[in-house]
Structure formats: structure tokens, C-alpha cells
Amino acid sequence: MPKSKPTQVIVHRIELQEKERDMIEGLATAKTAETIVKGVALPVAVGGSLDLGYKALKASLNWGTDMIDEVKSSYGAIALKTMHASPTGIPYVSPFVKAGELVFKLFTTKP
């Protein structure tokens, strides 16, 4: 037996008071913060664990120089070339070299 078509439409509407709106706003803020923290914490944790694993393998297998030491020495050579390559004779350090210097200070200084 076929259903008959509806003769009227009933709309149900839920209205929230100020207190419920404040609670939902707090929940939305907390969820946003959680998403951001997870997005930042995961790559940091993976990078940290990779670094610790590399250092543990380096110590156990008695590898040669550390990867950071090699990059630092090549960075020093690049910085010297950049300083002496100025056409005016005045030493100039490019912004990339300065950015590299900041990164190496970050990873090589002890807390």
C-alpha cells in the first residue's frame, strides 16, 4: 500500500540560551587548540625520536663525524665564500647564511 503525501510540514527548532552558547564556544575553542597542538607535536616528536635514534646508532656503531658537525663545517666554508665574494670588497653575509647561523645556534647550544 503506497504512502500518502504529507499535507503539512512541521519544523522543529532548538534554541540555545546564553549559557549553552558559552559552553559550546568553549568546546569549539578547546577542539581547535587540540587540533593545532596535535599538528605541531607529532612532527616534533617524530623529529626528536629520529634524532635520538641517529645519536644512539652513532654512539653504538662508532660512526665517524656527526652529521651536524659536517653541516657546520660546510656552513663555515659557504659563509667564508659569501663574505669574500662581495664585489665592493666589503664583507657581506647573505640572509640565507644568517638564517643558517640561527638554525645552528638553535641546535648546537646546550640548554
PDB file of N, CA and C in Angstrom:
ATOM      1  N   MET A   1       0.834  -1.156   0.000  1.00  0.00           N
ATOM      2  CA  MET A   1       0.000   0.000   0.000  1.00  0.00           C
ATOM      3  C   MET A   1       0.899   1.246   0.000  1.00  0.00           C
ATOM      4  N   PRO A   2       0.718   2.141  -0.953  1.00  0.00           N
ATOM      5  CA  PRO A   2       1.593   3.314  -1.044  1.00  0.00           C
ATOM      6  C   PRO A   2       1.281   4.339   0.050  1.00  0.00           C
ATOM      7  N   LYS A   3       2.335   5.078   0.406  1.00  0.00           N
ATOM      8  CA  LYS A   3       2.164   6.115   1.429  1.00  0.00           C
ATOM      9  C   LYS A   3       1.548   7.354   0.800  1.00  0.00           C
ATOM     10  N   SER A   4       0.747   8.030   1.576  1.00  0.00           N
ATOM     11  CA  SER A   4       0.170   9.275   1.073  1.00  0.00           C
ATOM     12  C   SER A   4       1.158  10.420   1.286  1.00  0.00           C
ATOM     13  N   LYS A   5       1.084  11.424   0.453  1.00  0.00           N
ATOM     14  CA  LYS A   5       1.968  12.566   0.552  1.00  0.00           C
ATOM     15  C   LYS A   5       1.616  13.378   1.797  1.00  0.00           C
ATOM     16  N   PRO A   6       2.610  14.018   2.398  1.00  0.00           N
ATOM     17  CA  PRO A   6       2.317  14.808   3.603  1.00  0.00           C
ATOM     18  C   PRO A   6       1.485  16.038   3.254  1.00  0.00           C
ATOM     19  N   THR A   7       0.602  16.386   4.154  1.00  0.00           N
ATOM     20  CA  THR A   7      -0.257  17.554   3.940  1.00  0.00           C
ATOM     21  C   THR A   7       0.281  18.798   4.624  1.00  0.00           C
ATOM     22  N   GLN A   8       1.158  18.603   5.578  1.00  0.00           N
ATOM     23  CA  GLN A   8       1.755  19.750   6.261  1.00  0.00           C
ATOM     24  C   GLN A   8       3.205  19.448   6.619  1.00  0.00           C
ATOM     25  N   VAL A   9       3.984  20.507   6.813  1.00  0.00           N
ATOM     26  CA  VAL A   9       5.390  20.369   7.200  1.00  0.00           C
ATOM     27  C   VAL A   9       5.549  20.965   8.586  1.00  0.00           C
ATOM     28  N   ILE A  10       6.121  20.196   9.470  1.00  0.00           N
ATOM     29  CA  ILE A  10       6.355  20.661  10.839  1.00  0.00           C
ATOM     30  C   ILE A  10       7.851  20.894  10.999  1.00  0.00           C
ATOM     31  N   VAL A  11       8.232  22.069  11.445  1.00  0.00           N
ATOM     32  CA  VAL A  11       9.634  22.429  11.637  1.00  0.00           C
ATOM     33  C   VAL A  11       9.918  22.463  13.129  1.00  0.00           C
ATOM     34  N   HIS A  12      10.964  21.739  13.533  1.00  0.00           N
ATOM     35  CA  HIS A  12      11.393  21.754  14.931  1.00  0.00           C
ATOM     36  C   HIS A  12      12.657  22.612  15.012  1.00  0.00           C
ATOM     37  N   ARG A  13      12.701  23.505  15.951  1.00  0.00           N
ATOM     38  CA  ARG A  13      13.833  24.401  16.091  1.00  0.00           C
ATOM     39  C   ARG A  13      14.321  24.352  17.534  1.00  0.00           C
ATOM     40  N   ILE A  14      15.639  24.194  17.675  1.00  0.00           N
ATOM     41  CA  ILE A  14      16.235  24.175  19.011  1.00  0.00           C
ATOM     42  C   ILE A  14      16.949  25.503  19.212  1.00  0.00           C
ATOM     43  N   GLU A  15      16.607  26.184  20.257  1.00  0.00           N
ATOM     44  CA  GLU A  15      17.246  27.454  20.561  1.00  0.00           C
ATOM     45  C   GLU A  15      18.067  27.295  21.828  1.00  0.00           C
ATOM     46  N   LEU A  16      19.247  27.883  21.795  1.00  0.00           N
ATOM     47  CA  LEU A  16      20.140  27.794  22.943  1.00  0.00           C
ATOM     48  C   LEU A  16      20.111  29.105  23.716  1.00  0.00           C
ATOM     49  N   GLN A  17      20.227  28.966  25.025  1.00  0.00           N
ATOM     50  CA  GLN A  17      20.341  30.155  25.848  1.00  0.00           C
ATOM     51  C   GLN A  17      21.806  30.586  25.897  1.00  0.00           C
ATOM     52  N   GLU A  18      22.052  31.696  26.549  1.00  0.00           N
ATOM     53  CA  GLU A  18      23.407  32.265  26.606  1.00  0.00           C
ATOM     54  C   GLU A  18      24.400  31.286  27.246  1.00  0.00           C
ATOM     55  N   LYS A  19      23.973  30.602  28.290  1.00  0.00           N
ATOM     56  CA  LYS A  19      24.866  29.671  28.979  1.00  0.00           C
ATOM     57  C   LYS A  19      25.272  28.510  28.066  1.00  0.00           C
ATOM     58  N   GLU A  20      24.320  27.953  27.345  1.00  0.00           N
ATOM     59  CA  GLU A  20      24.642  26.857  26.429  1.00  0.00           C
ATOM     60  C   GLU A  20      25.544  27.331  25.293  1.00  0.00           C
ATOM     61  N   ARG A  21      25.322  28.539  24.806  1.00  0.00           N
ATOM     62  CA  ARG A  21      26.192  29.081  23.745  1.00  0.00           C
ATOM     63  C   ARG A  21      27.622  29.243  24.246  1.00  0.00           C
ATOM     64  N   ASP A  22      27.769  29.725  25.472  1.00  0.00           N
ATOM     65  CA  ASP A  22      29.111  29.873  26.040  1.00  0.00           C
ATOM     66  C   ASP A  22      29.799  28.521  26.188  1.00  0.00           C
ATOM     67  N   MET A  23      29.047  27.510  26.596  1.00  0.00           N
ATOM     68  CA  MET A  23      29.624  26.178  26.749  1.00  0.00           C
ATOM     69  C   MET A  23      30.087  25.621  25.400  1.00  0.00           C
ATOM     70  N   ILE A  24      29.286  25.804  24.368  1.00  0.00           N
ATOM     71  CA  ILE A  24      29.641  25.305  23.041  1.00  0.00           C
ATOM     72  C   ILE A  24      30.836  26.077  22.487  1.00  0.00           C
ATOM     73  N   GLU A  25      30.888  27.371  22.754  1.00  0.00           N
ATOM     74  CA  GLU A  25      32.023  28.169  22.294  1.00  0.00           C
ATOM     75  C   GLU A  25      33.315  27.692  22.948  1.00  0.00           C
ATOM     76  N   GLY A  26      33.263  27.381  24.248  1.00  0.00           N
ATOM     77  CA  GLY A  26      34.434  26.840  24.940  1.00  0.00           C
ATOM     78  C   GLY A  26      34.862  25.500  24.365  1.00  0.00           C
ATOM     79  N   LEU A  27      33.894  24.664  24.040  1.00  0.00           N
ATOM     80  CA  LEU A  27      34.190  23.363  23.444  1.00  0.00           C
ATOM     81  C   LEU A  27      34.834  23.527  22.071  1.00  0.00           C
ATOM     82  N   ALA A  28      34.328  24.449  21.282  1.00  0.00           N
ATOM     83  CA  ALA A  28      34.907  24.683  19.956  1.00  0.00           C
ATOM     84  C   ALA A  28      36.336  25.203  20.063  1.00  0.00           C
ATOM     85  N   THR A  29      36.593  26.084  21.018  1.00  0.00           N
ATOM     86  CA  THR A  29      37.951  26.597  21.229  1.00  0.00           C
ATOM     87  C   THR A  29      38.892  25.478  21.654  1.00  0.00           C
ATOM     88  N   ALA A  30      38.423  24.628  22.556  1.00  0.00           N
ATOM     89  CA  ALA A  30      39.252  23.512  23.019  1.00  0.00           C
ATOM     90  C   ALA A  30      39.574  22.552  21.879  1.00  0.00           C
ATOM     91  N   LYS A  31      38.599  22.266  21.030  1.00  0.00           N
ATOM     92  CA  LYS A  31      38.845  21.364  19.897  1.00  0.00           C
ATOM     93  C   LYS A  31      39.840  21.972  18.912  1.00  0.00           C
ATOM     94  N   THR A  32      39.734  23.284  18.673  1.00  0.00           N
ATOM     95  CA  THR A  32      40.670  23.955  17.777  1.00  0.00           C
ATOM     96  C   THR A  32      42.081  23.890  18.341  1.00  0.00           C
ATOM     97  N   ALA A  33      42.225  24.168  19.634  1.00  0.00           N
ATOM     98  CA  ALA A  33      43.544  24.111  20.272  1.00  0.00           C
ATOM     99  C   ALA A  33      44.107  22.692  20.219  1.00  0.00           C
ATOM    100  N   GLU A  34      43.269  21.706  20.432  1.00  0.00           N
ATOM    101  CA  GLU A  34      43.714  20.313  20.394  1.00  0.00           C
ATOM    102  C   GLU A  34      44.235  19.946  19.000  1.00  0.00           C
ATOM    103  N   THR A  35      43.526  20.375  17.982  1.00  0.00           N
ATOM    104  CA  THR A  35      43.944  20.086  16.611  1.00  0.00           C
ATOM    105  C   THR A  35      45.287  20.743  16.292  1.00  0.00           C
ATOM    106  N   ILE A  36      45.466  21.982  16.717  1.00  0.00           N
ATOM    107  CA  ILE A  36      46.720  22.684  16.453  1.00  0.00           C
ATOM    108  C   ILE A  36      47.874  22.023  17.195  1.00  0.00           C
ATOM    109  N   VAL A  37      47.664  21.674  18.468  1.00  0.00           N
ATOM    110  CA  VAL A  37      48.731  21.052  19.259  1.00  0.00           C
ATOM    111  C   VAL A  37      49.117  19.702  18.667  1.00  0.00           C
ATOM    112  N   LYS A  38      48.140  18.927  18.246  1.00  0.00           N
ATOM    113  CA  LYS A  38      48.456  17.630  17.633  1.00  0.00           C
ATOM    114  C   LYS A  38      49.235  17.819  16.332  1.00  0.00           C
ATOM    115  N   GLY A  39      48.875  18.825  15.563  1.00  0.00           N
ATOM    116  CA  GLY A  39      49.569  19.076  14.301  1.00  0.00           C
ATOM    117  C   GLY A  39      51.011  19.511  14.505  1.00  0.00           C
ATOM    118  N   VAL A  40      51.306  20.166  15.614  1.00  0.00           N
ATOM    119  CA  VAL A  40      52.672  20.608  15.891  1.00  0.00           C
ATOM    120  C   VAL A  40      53.444  19.524  16.633  1.00  0.00           C
ATOM    121  N   ALA A  41      52.810  18.877  17.590  1.00  0.00           N
ATOM    122  CA  ALA A  41      53.504  17.914  18.444  1.00  0.00           C
ATOM    123  C   ALA A  41      53.937  16.664  17.686  1.00  0.00           C
ATOM    124  N   LEU A  42      53.168  16.211  16.748  1.00  0.00           N
ATOM    125  CA  LEU A  42      53.516  14.989  16.024  1.00  0.00           C
ATOM    126  C   LEU A  42      54.812  15.138  15.231  1.00  0.00           C
ATOM    127  N   PRO A  43      54.984  16.175  14.400  1.00  0.00           N
ATOM    128  CA  PRO A  43      56.263  16.298  13.698  1.00  0.00           C
ATOM    129  C   PRO A  43      57.446  16.512  14.639  1.00  0.00           C
ATOM    130  N   VAL A  44      57.227  17.237  15.741  1.00  0.00           N
ATOM    131  CA  VAL A  44      58.313  17.453  16.695  1.00  0.00           C
ATOM    132  C   VAL A  44      58.700  16.132  17.344  1.00  0.00           C
ATOM    133  N   ALA A  45      57.726  15.329  17.708  1.00  0.00           N
ATOM    134  CA  ALA A  45      58.016  14.036  18.326  1.00  0.00           C
ATOM    135  C   ALA A  45      58.729  13.102  17.353  1.00  0.00           C
ATOM    136  N   VAL A  46      58.292  13.083  16.115  1.00  0.00           N
ATOM    137  CA  VAL A  46      58.937  12.232  15.111  1.00  0.00           C
ATOM    138  C   VAL A  46      60.375  12.696  14.868  1.00  0.00           C
ATOM    139  N   GLY A  47      60.563  14.004  14.730  1.00  0.00           N
ATOM    140  CA  GLY A  47      61.916  14.533  14.525  1.00  0.00           C
ATOM    141  C   GLY A  47      62.819  14.254  15.707  1.00  0.00           C
ATOM    142  N   GLY A  48      62.300  14.426  16.906  1.00  0.00           N
ATOM    143  CA  GLY A  48      63.094  14.152  18.106  1.00  0.00           C
ATOM    144  C   GLY A  48      63.471  12.685  18.222  1.00  0.00           C
ATOM    145  N   SER A  49      62.525  11.806  17.927  1.00  0.00           N
ATOM    146  CA  SER A  49      62.837  10.374  18.008  1.00  0.00           C
ATOM    147  C   SER A  49      63.830   9.967  16.925  1.00  0.00           C
ATOM    148  N   LEU A  50      63.731  10.553  15.744  1.00  0.00           N
ATOM    149  CA  LEU A  50      64.716  10.260  14.699  1.00  0.00           C
ATOM    150  C   LEU A  50      66.105  10.739  15.114  1.00  0.00           C
ATOM    151  N   ASP A  51      66.180  11.901  15.724  1.00  0.00           N
ATOM    152  CA  ASP A  51      67.461  12.424  16.177  1.00  0.00           C
ATOM    153  C   ASP A  51      68.050  11.547  17.275  1.00  0.00           C
ATOM    154  N   LEU A  52      67.213  11.131  18.226  1.00  0.00           N
ATOM    155  CA  LEU A  52      67.705  10.256  19.293  1.00  0.00           C
ATOM    156  C   LEU A  52      68.158   8.907  18.737  1.00  0.00           C
ATOM    157  N   GLY A  53      67.399   8.360  17.794  1.00  0.00           N
ATOM    158  CA  GLY A  53      67.801   7.100  17.174  1.00  0.00           C
ATOM    159  C   GLY A  53      69.110   7.226  16.426  1.00  0.00           C
ATOM    160  N   TYR A  54      69.280   8.339  15.719  1.00  0.00           N
ATOM    161  CA  TYR A  54      70.526   8.566  14.992  1.00  0.00           C
ATOM    162  C   TYR A  54      71.695   8.666  15.954  1.00  0.00           C
ATOM    163  N   LYS A  55      71.515   9.418  17.042  1.00  0.00           N
ATOM    164  CA  LYS A  55      72.609   9.572  18.006  1.00  0.00           C
ATOM    165  C   LYS A  55      72.932   8.243  18.695  1.00  0.00           C
ATOM    166  N   ALA A  56      71.903   7.440  18.979  1.00  0.00           N
ATOM    167  CA  ALA A  56      72.139   6.138  19.613  1.00  0.00           C
ATOM    168  C   ALA A  56      72.898   5.212  18.663  1.00  0.00           C
ATOM    169  N   LEU A  57      72.502   5.187  17.390  1.00  0.00           N
ATOM    170  CA  LEU A  57      73.214   4.360  16.417  1.00  0.00           C
ATOM    171  C   LEU A  57      74.640   4.860  16.199  1.00  0.00           C
ATOM    172  N   LYS A  58      74.813   6.147  16.186  1.00  0.00           N
ATOM    173  CA  LYS A  58      76.146   6.722  16.005  1.00  0.00           C
ATOM    174  C   LYS A  58      77.052   6.313  17.159  1.00  0.00           C
ATOM    175  N   ALA A  59      76.503   6.365  18.378  1.00  0.00           N
ATOM    176  CA  ALA A  59      77.308   6.003  19.549  1.00  0.00           C
ATOM    177  C   ALA A  59      77.595   4.501  19.580  1.00  0.00           C
ATOM    178  N   SER A  60      76.616   3.684  19.218  1.00  0.00           N
ATOM    179  CA  SER A  60      76.812   2.231  19.312  1.00  0.00           C
ATOM    180  C   SER A  60      77.669   1.685  18.176  1.00  0.00           C
ATOM    181  N   LEU A  61      77.570   2.276  16.982  1.00  0.00           N
ATOM    182  CA  LEU A  61      78.332   1.764  15.845  1.00  0.00           C
ATOM    183  C   LEU A  61      79.652   2.497  15.637  1.00  0.00           C
ATOM    184  N   ASN A  62      79.905   3.507  16.476  1.00  0.00           N
ATOM    185  CA  ASN A  62      81.146   4.278  16.410  1.00  0.00           C
ATOM    186  C   ASN A  62      81.357   4.863  15.025  1.00  0.00           C
ATOM    187  N   TRP A  63      80.313   5.538  14.531  1.00  0.00           N
ATOM    188  CA  TRP A  63      80.431   6.211  13.254  1.00  0.00           C
ATOM    189  C   TRP A  63      81.425   7.347  13.361  1.00  0.00           C
ATOM    190  N   GLY A  64      81.807   7.885  12.249  1.00  0.00           N
ATOM    191  CA  GLY A  64      82.773   8.987  12.228  1.00  0.00           C
ATOM    192  C   GLY A  64      82.191  10.268  12.783  1.00  0.00           C
ATOM    193  N   THR A  65      82.278  11.307  12.012  1.00  0.00           N
ATOM    194  CA  THR A  65      81.799  12.603  12.485  1.00  0.00           C
ATOM    195  C   THR A  65      80.276  12.642  12.487  1.00  0.00           C
ATOM    196  N   ASP A  66      79.783  13.510  13.307  1.00  0.00           N
ATOM    197  CA  ASP A  66      78.346  13.676  13.417  1.00  0.00           C
ATOM    198  C   ASP A  66      77.828  14.443  12.201  1.00  0.00           C
ATOM    199  N   MET A  67      76.597  14.190  11.807  1.00  0.00           N
ATOM    200  CA  MET A  67      76.010  14.851  10.655  1.00  0.00           C
ATOM    201  C   MET A  67      75.957  16.366  10.871  1.00  0.00           C
ATOM    202  N   ILE A  68      75.632  16.782  12.078  1.00  0.00           N
ATOM    203  CA  ILE A  68      75.562  18.219  12.359  1.00  0.00           C
ATOM    204  C   ILE A  68      76.946  18.845  12.269  1.00  0.00           C
ATOM    205  N   ASP A  69      77.990  18.124  12.700  1.00  0.00           N
ATOM    206  CA  ASP A  69      79.355  18.646  12.580  1.00  0.00           C
ATOM    207  C   ASP A  69      79.747  18.838  11.121  1.00  0.00           C
ATOM    208  N   GLU A  70      79.353  17.892  10.278  1.00  0.00           N
ATOM    209  CA  GLU A  70      79.665  18.018   8.852  1.00  0.00           C
ATOM    210  C   GLU A  70      78.956  19.221   8.235  1.00  0.00           C
ATOM    211  N   VAL A  71      77.689  19.412   8.596  1.00  0.00           N
ATOM    212  CA  VAL A  71      76.942  20.542   8.052  1.00  0.00           C
ATOM    213  C   VAL A  71      77.525  21.847   8.568  1.00  0.00           C
ATOM    214  N   LYS A  72      77.939  21.880   9.843  1.00  0.00           N
ATOM    215  CA  LYS A  72      78.541  23.095  10.392  1.00  0.00           C
ATOM    216  C   LYS A  72      79.829  23.455   9.664  1.00  0.00           C
ATOM    217  N   SER A  73      80.652  22.464   9.358  1.00  0.00           N
ATOM    218  CA  SER A  73      81.907  22.766   8.670  1.00  0.00           C
ATOM    219  C   SER A  73      81.635  23.247   7.244  1.00  0.00           C
ATOM    220  N   SER A  74      80.666  22.640   6.565  1.00  0.00           N
ATOM    221  CA  SER A  74      80.348  23.116   5.217  1.00  0.00           C
ATOM    222  C   SER A  74      79.685  24.481   5.277  1.00  0.00           C
ATOM    223  N   TYR A  75      78.910  24.745   6.323  1.00  0.00           N
ATOM    224  CA  TYR A  75      78.316  26.064   6.500  1.00  0.00           C
ATOM    225  C   TYR A  75      79.405  27.116   6.669  1.00  0.00           C
ATOM    226  N   GLY A  76      80.437  26.795   7.434  1.00  0.00           N
ATOM    227  CA  GLY A  76      81.542  27.744   7.624  1.00  0.00           C
ATOM    228  C   GLY A  76      82.230  28.054   6.311  1.00  0.00           C
ATOM    229  N   ALA A  77      82.427  27.051   5.465  1.00  0.00           N
ATOM    230  CA  ALA A  77      83.059  27.280   4.169  1.00  0.00           C
ATOM    231  C   ALA A  77      82.173  28.152   3.283  1.00  0.00           C
ATOM    232  N   ILE A  78      80.877  27.910   3.292  1.00  0.00           N
ATOM    233  CA  ILE A  78      79.954  28.712   2.483  1.00  0.00           C
ATOM    234  C   ILE A  78      79.928  30.155   2.989  1.00  0.00           C
ATOM    235  N   ALA A  79      79.937  30.329   4.310  1.00  0.00           N
ATOM    236  CA  ALA A  79      79.918  31.676   4.870  1.00  0.00           C
ATOM    237  C   ALA A  79      81.171  32.442   4.474  1.00  0.00           C
ATOM    238  N   LEU A  80      82.323  31.771   4.490  1.00  0.00           N
ATOM    239  CA  LEU A  80      83.560  32.447   4.095  1.00  0.00           C
ATOM    240  C   LEU A  80      83.527  32.828   2.619  1.00  0.00           C
ATOM    241  N   LYS A  81      83.055  31.932   1.758  1.00  0.00           N
ATOM    242  CA  LYS A  81      82.960  32.240   0.331  1.00  0.00           C
ATOM    243  C   LYS A  81      82.031  33.422   0.093  1.00  0.00           C
ATOM    244  N   THR A  82      80.912  33.433   0.813  1.00  0.00           N
ATOM    245  CA  THR A  82      79.943  34.510   0.641  1.00  0.00           C
ATOM    246  C   THR A  82      80.528  35.841   1.093  1.00  0.00           C
ATOM    247  N   MET A  83      81.271  35.832   2.180  1.00  0.00           N
ATOM    248  CA  MET A  83      81.870  37.067   2.685  1.00  0.00           C
ATOM    249  C   MET A  83      82.897  37.630   1.715  1.00  0.00           C
ATOM    250  N   HIS A  84      83.683  36.753   1.108  1.00  0.00           N
ATOM    251  CA  HIS A  84      84.756  37.212   0.223  1.00  0.00           C
ATOM    252  C   HIS A  84      84.284  37.448  -1.208  1.00  0.00           C
ATOM    253  N   ALA A  85      83.036  37.104  -1.515  1.00  0.00           N
ATOM    254  CA  ALA A  85      82.548  37.235  -2.888  1.00  0.00           C
ATOM    255  C   ALA A  85      81.915  38.592  -3.163  1.00  0.00           C
ATOM    256  N   SER A  86      81.983  39.507  -2.222  1.00  0.00           N
ATOM    257  CA  SER A  86      81.364  40.818  -2.413  1.00  0.00           C
ATOM    258  C   SER A  86      82.133  41.617  -3.457  1.00  0.00           C
ATOM    259  N   PRO A  87      81.466  42.192  -4.459  1.00  0.00           N
ATOM    260  CA  PRO A  87      82.169  42.944  -5.495  1.00  0.00           C
ATOM    261  C   PRO A  87      82.774  44.256  -4.973  1.00  0.00           C
ATOM    262  N   THR A  88      82.266  44.774  -3.881  1.00  0.00           N
ATOM    263  CA  THR A  88      82.797  46.034  -3.344  1.00  0.00           C
ATOM    264  C   THR A  88      83.977  45.807  -2.413  1.00  0.00           C
ATOM    265  N   GLY A  89      84.221  44.569  -2.058  1.00  0.00           N
ATOM    266  CA  GLY A  89      85.300  44.277  -1.125  1.00  0.00           C
ATOM    267  C   GLY A  89      84.845  44.329   0.320  1.00  0.00           C
ATOM    268  N   ILE A  90      83.622  44.820   0.555  1.00  0.00           N
ATOM    269  CA  ILE A  90      83.086  44.853   1.910  1.00  0.00           C
ATOM    270  C   ILE A  90      82.438  43.497   2.190  1.00  0.00           C
ATOM    271  N   PRO A  91      82.822  42.841   3.294  1.00  0.00           N
ATOM    272  CA  PRO A  91      82.220  41.536   3.579  1.00  0.00           C
ATOM    273  C   PRO A  91      80.711  41.644   3.696  1.00  0.00           C
ATOM    274  N   TYR A  92      80.025  40.752   3.024  1.00  0.00           N
ATOM    275  CA  TYR A  92      78.568  40.734   3.037  1.00  0.00           C
ATOM    276  C   TYR A  92      78.113  39.321   3.336  1.00  0.00           C
ATOM    277  N   VAL A  93      77.207  39.184   4.263  1.00  0.00           N
ATOM    278  CA  VAL A  93      76.653  37.871   4.588  1.00  0.00           C
ATOM    279  C   VAL A  93      75.204  37.875   4.129  1.00  0.00           C
ATOM    280  N   SER A  94      74.857  36.922   3.279  1.00  0.00           N
ATOM    281  CA  SER A  94      73.506  36.870   2.728  1.00  0.00           C
ATOM    282  C   SER A  94      72.496  36.480   3.809  1.00  0.00           C
ATOM    283  N   PRO A  95      71.234  36.773   3.604  1.00  0.00           N
ATOM    284  CA  PRO A  95      70.211  36.396   4.589  1.00  0.00           C
ATOM    285  C   PRO A  95      70.136  34.888   4.797  1.00  0.00           C
ATOM    286  N   PHE A  96      70.456  34.104   3.760  1.00  0.00           N
ATOM    287  CA  PHE A  96      70.411  32.647   3.916  1.00  0.00           C
ATOM    288  C   PHE A  96      71.482  32.180   4.890  1.00  0.00           C
ATOM    289  N   VAL A  97      72.655  32.811   4.829  1.00  0.00           N
ATOM    290  CA  VAL A  97      73.726  32.434   5.739  1.00  0.00           C
ATOM    291  C   VAL A  97      73.336  32.822   7.162  1.00  0.00           C
ATOM    292  N   LYS A  98      72.723  33.978   7.322  1.00  0.00           N
ATOM    293  CA  LYS A  98      72.288  34.396   8.662  1.00  0.00           C
ATOM    294  C   LYS A  98      71.204  33.454   9.186  1.00  0.00           C
ATOM    295  N   ALA A  99      70.290  33.015   8.333  1.00  0.00           N
ATOM    296  CA  ALA A  99      69.254  32.070   8.761  1.00  0.00           C
ATOM    297  C   ALA A  99      69.891  30.743   9.158  1.00  0.00           C
ATOM    298  N   GLY A 100      70.877  30.297   8.390  1.00  0.00           N
ATOM    299  CA  GLY A 100      71.590  29.069   8.741  1.00  0.00           C
ATOM    300  C   GLY A 100      72.303  29.201  10.070  1.00  0.00           C
ATOM    301  N   GLU A 101      72.871  30.366  10.305  1.00  0.00           N
ATOM    302  CA  GLU A 101      73.562  30.599  11.566  1.00  0.00           C
ATOM    303  C   GLU A 101      72.589  30.493  12.746  1.00  0.00           C
ATOM    304  N   LEU A 102      71.403  31.040  12.594  1.00  0.00           N
ATOM    305  CA  LEU A 102      70.404  30.945  13.658  1.00  0.00           C
ATOM    306  C   LEU A 102      69.982  29.500  13.910  1.00  0.00           C
ATOM    307  N   VAL A 103      69.822  28.735  12.838  1.00  0.00           N
ATOM    308  CA  VAL A 103      69.431  27.334  12.980  1.00  0.00           C
ATOM    309  C   VAL A 103      70.521  26.548  13.699  1.00  0.00           C
ATOM    310  N   PHE A 104      71.790  26.790  13.348  1.00  0.00           N
ATOM    311  CA  PHE A 104      72.873  26.055  14.001  1.00  0.00           C
ATOM    312  C   PHE A 104      73.027  26.449  15.455  1.00  0.00           C
ATOM    313  N   LYS A 105      72.794  27.709  15.775  1.00  0.00           N
ATOM    314  CA  LYS A 105      72.826  28.123  17.172  1.00  0.00           C
ATOM    315  C   LYS A 105      71.724  27.413  17.952  1.00  0.00           C
ATOM    316  N   LEU A 106      70.580  27.261  17.320  1.00  0.00           N
ATOM    317  CA  LEU A 106      69.463  26.605  17.981  1.00  0.00           C
ATOM    318  C   LEU A 106      69.793  25.144  18.305  1.00  0.00           C
ATOM    319  N   PHE A 107      70.433  24.446  17.370  1.00  0.00           N
ATOM    320  CA  PHE A 107      70.688  23.014  17.564  1.00  0.00           C
ATOM    321  C   PHE A 107      71.982  22.726  18.290  1.00  0.00           C
ATOM    322  N   THR A 108      72.901  23.667  18.336  1.00  0.00           N
ATOM    323  CA  THR A 108      74.197  23.364  18.925  1.00  0.00           C
ATOM    324  C   THR A 108      74.378  23.924  20.314  1.00  0.00           C
ATOM    325  N   THR A 109      73.534  24.840  20.747  1.00  0.00           N
ATOM    326  CA  THR A 109      73.696  25.376  22.094  1.00  0.00           C
ATOM    327  C   THR A 109      73.021  24.450  23.093  1.00  0.00           C
ATOM    328  N   LYS A 110      73.640  24.325  24.228  1.00  0.00           N
ATOM    329  CA  LYS A 110      73.086  23.473  25.280  1.00  0.00           C
ATOM    330  C   LYS A 110      72.130  24.295  26.134  1.00  0.00           C
ATOM    331  N   PRO A 111      71.030  23.705  26.587  1.00  0.00           N
ATOM    332  CA  PRO A 111      70.080  24.466  27.410  1.00  0.00           C
ATOM    333  C   PRO A 111      70.621  24.752  28.787  1.00  0.00           C
TER     334      PRO A 111
END
